[in-house]
């Protein structure tokens, strides 16, 4: 398949170091505003789209906690469980 014109690559503005709920939520809102400006515009706290953003933020927060906990337990100097 040949390409007639050069495709533009959109740089990603995803911050992979966000670890808590509020930071992940803010990053997801900024991502949505940047990549879907015409598709989604309702950032009200009661909208179904914000519910999905908050659910994804919660999952990211919980996964970040478990990753940090497992890493902490893998080091002998910081382990708390026997």
C-alpha atoms as a PDB file:
ATOM      1  CA  UNK A   1       0.000   0.000   0.000  1.00  0.00           C
ATOM      2  CA  UNK A   2       1.610   3.221  -1.124  1.00  0.00           C
ATOM      3  CA  UNK A   3       1.239   6.479   0.716  1.00  0.00           C
ATOM      4  CA  UNK A   4       0.713   9.597  -1.383  1.00  0.00           C
ATOM      5  CA  UNK A   5       1.623  12.142   1.267  1.00  0.00           C
ATOM      6  CA  UNK A   6       3.729  12.051   4.369  1.00  0.00           C
ATOM      7  CA  UNK A   7       1.705  11.201   7.461  1.00  0.00           C
ATOM      8  CA  UNK A   8       2.183  13.423  10.453  1.00  0.00           C
ATOM      9  CA  UNK A   9       3.021  11.799  13.753  1.00  0.00           C
ATOM     10  CA  UNK A  10       1.345  13.408  16.731  1.00  0.00           C
ATOM     11  CA  UNK A  11       3.688  13.506  19.731  1.00  0.00           C
ATOM     12  CA  UNK A  12       2.308  11.838  22.811  1.00  0.00           C
ATOM     13  CA  UNK A  13       1.865  13.982  25.882  1.00  0.00           C
ATOM     14  CA  UNK A  14       1.248  11.083  28.250  1.00  0.00           C
ATOM     15  CA  UNK A  15       2.976  11.342  31.606  1.00  0.00           C
ATOM     16  CA  UNK A  16       3.904   7.831  32.721  1.00  0.00           C
ATOM     17  CA  UNK A  17       5.124   8.939  36.151  1.00  0.00           C
ATOM     18  CA  UNK A  18       1.688   9.865  37.506  1.00  0.00           C
ATOM     19  CA  UNK A  19       0.936   7.671  40.484  1.00  0.00           C
ATOM     20  CA  UNK A  20      -2.008   9.093  42.407  1.00  0.00           C
ATOM     21  CA  UNK A  21      -5.683   9.412  41.510  1.00  0.00           C
ATOM     22  CA  UNK A  22      -5.850  13.177  41.050  1.00  0.00           C
ATOM     23  CA  UNK A  23      -2.718  13.379  38.882  1.00  0.00           C
ATOM     24  CA  UNK A  24      -3.827  10.498  36.666  1.00  0.00           C
ATOM     25  CA  UNK A  25      -7.281  12.090  36.334  1.00  0.00           C
ATOM     26  CA  UNK A  26      -5.795  15.458  35.368  1.00  0.00           C
ATOM     27  CA  UNK A  27      -3.507  13.779  32.808  1.00  0.00           C
ATOM     28  CA  UNK A  28      -6.435  11.865  31.289  1.00  0.00           C
ATOM     29  CA  UNK A  29      -8.487  15.059  31.022  1.00  0.00           C
ATOM     30  CA  UNK A  30      -5.608  16.854  29.285  1.00  0.00           C
ATOM     31  CA  UNK A  31      -5.120  13.868  26.962  1.00  0.00           C
ATOM     32  CA  UNK A  32      -8.818  13.903  26.082  1.00  0.00           C
ATOM     33  CA  UNK A  33      -8.757  17.634  25.425  1.00  0.00           C
ATOM     34  CA  UNK A  34      -5.677  17.301  23.214  1.00  0.00           C
ATOM     35  CA  UNK A  35      -6.653  14.289  21.114  1.00  0.00           C
ATOM     36  CA  UNK A  36     -10.470  14.454  21.086  1.00  0.00           C
ATOM     37  CA  UNK A  37     -11.327  18.165  21.064  1.00  0.00           C
ATOM     38  CA  UNK A  38     -14.399  17.766  18.831  1.00  0.00           C
ATOM     39  CA  UNK A  39     -15.600  14.406  20.107  1.00  0.00           C
ATOM     40  CA  UNK A  40     -15.766  14.967  23.865  1.00  0.00           C
ATOM     41  CA  UNK A  41     -16.325  18.351  25.483  1.00  0.00           C
ATOM     42  CA  UNK A  42     -18.396  17.602  28.609  1.00  0.00           C
ATOM     43  CA  UNK A  43     -16.000  17.597  31.556  1.00  0.00           C
ATOM     44  CA  UNK A  44     -18.740  18.027  34.142  1.00  0.00           C
ATOM     45  CA  UNK A  45     -18.320  15.813  37.223  1.00  0.00           C
ATOM     46  CA  UNK A  46     -21.730  14.199  36.631  1.00  0.00           C
ATOM     47  CA  UNK A  47     -21.205  13.179  32.993  1.00  0.00           C
ATOM     48  CA  UNK A  48     -20.752   9.517  32.025  1.00  0.00           C
ATOM     49  CA  UNK A  49     -17.466  10.339  30.299  1.00  0.00           C
ATOM     50  CA  UNK A  50     -16.012  11.718  33.516  1.00  0.00           C
ATOM     51  CA  UNK A  51     -17.181   8.570  35.282  1.00  0.00           C
ATOM     52  CA  UNK A  52     -15.079   6.531  32.857  1.00  0.00           C
ATOM     53  CA  UNK A  53     -12.094   8.867  33.318  1.00  0.00           C
ATOM     54  CA  UNK A  54     -12.408   8.539  37.104  1.00  0.00           C
ATOM     55  CA  UNK A  55     -12.706   4.749  36.860  1.00  0.00           C
ATOM     56  CA  UNK A  56      -9.545   4.600  34.749  1.00  0.00           C
ATOM     57  CA  UNK A  57      -7.820   6.904  37.269  1.00  0.00           C
ATOM     58  CA  UNK A  58      -8.875   4.632  40.128  1.00  0.00           C
ATOM     59  CA  UNK A  59      -7.543   1.554  38.344  1.00  0.00           C
ATOM     60  CA  UNK A  60      -4.258   3.349  37.659  1.00  0.00           C
ATOM     61  CA  UNK A  61      -4.010   4.413  41.304  1.00  0.00           C
ATOM     62  CA  UNK A  62      -4.636   0.888  42.623  1.00  0.00           C
ATOM     63  CA  UNK A  63      -2.246  -0.702  40.141  1.00  0.00           C
ATOM     64  CA  UNK A  64       0.426   1.843  41.055  1.00  0.00           C
ATOM     65  CA  UNK A  65      -0.041   0.999  44.738  1.00  0.00           C
ATOM     66  CA  UNK A  66       0.336  -2.734  44.147  1.00  0.00           C
ATOM     67  CA  UNK A  67       3.386  -2.271  41.922  1.00  0.00           C
ATOM     68  CA  UNK A  68       5.055  -0.111  44.575  1.00  0.00           C
ATOM     69  CA  UNK A  69       4.100  -2.568  47.317  1.00  0.00           C
ATOM     70  CA  UNK A  70       5.467  -5.582  45.429  1.00  0.00           C
ATOM     71  CA  UNK A  71       8.696  -3.762  44.633  1.00  0.00           C
ATOM     72  CA  UNK A  72       9.086  -2.716  48.274  1.00  0.00           C
ATOM     73  CA  UNK A  73       8.583  -6.318  49.396  1.00  0.00           C
ATOM     74  CA  UNK A  74      11.132  -7.611  46.882  1.00  0.00           C
ATOM     75  CA  UNK A  75      13.946  -5.672  48.586  1.00  0.00           C
ATOM     76  CA  UNK A  76      15.211  -7.159  51.812  1.00  0.00           C
ATOM     77  CA  UNK A  77      15.908  -3.809  53.461  1.00  0.00           C
ATOM     78  CA  UNK A  78      12.384  -2.439  52.924  1.00  0.00           C
ATOM     79  CA  UNK A  79      10.298  -5.617  53.283  1.00  0.00           C
ATOM     80  CA  UNK A  80       7.700  -5.572  56.051  1.00  0.00           C
ATOM     81  CA  UNK A  81       6.166  -9.024  55.654  1.00  0.00           C
ATOM     82  CA  UNK A  82       7.966 -12.018  56.979  1.00  0.00           C
END
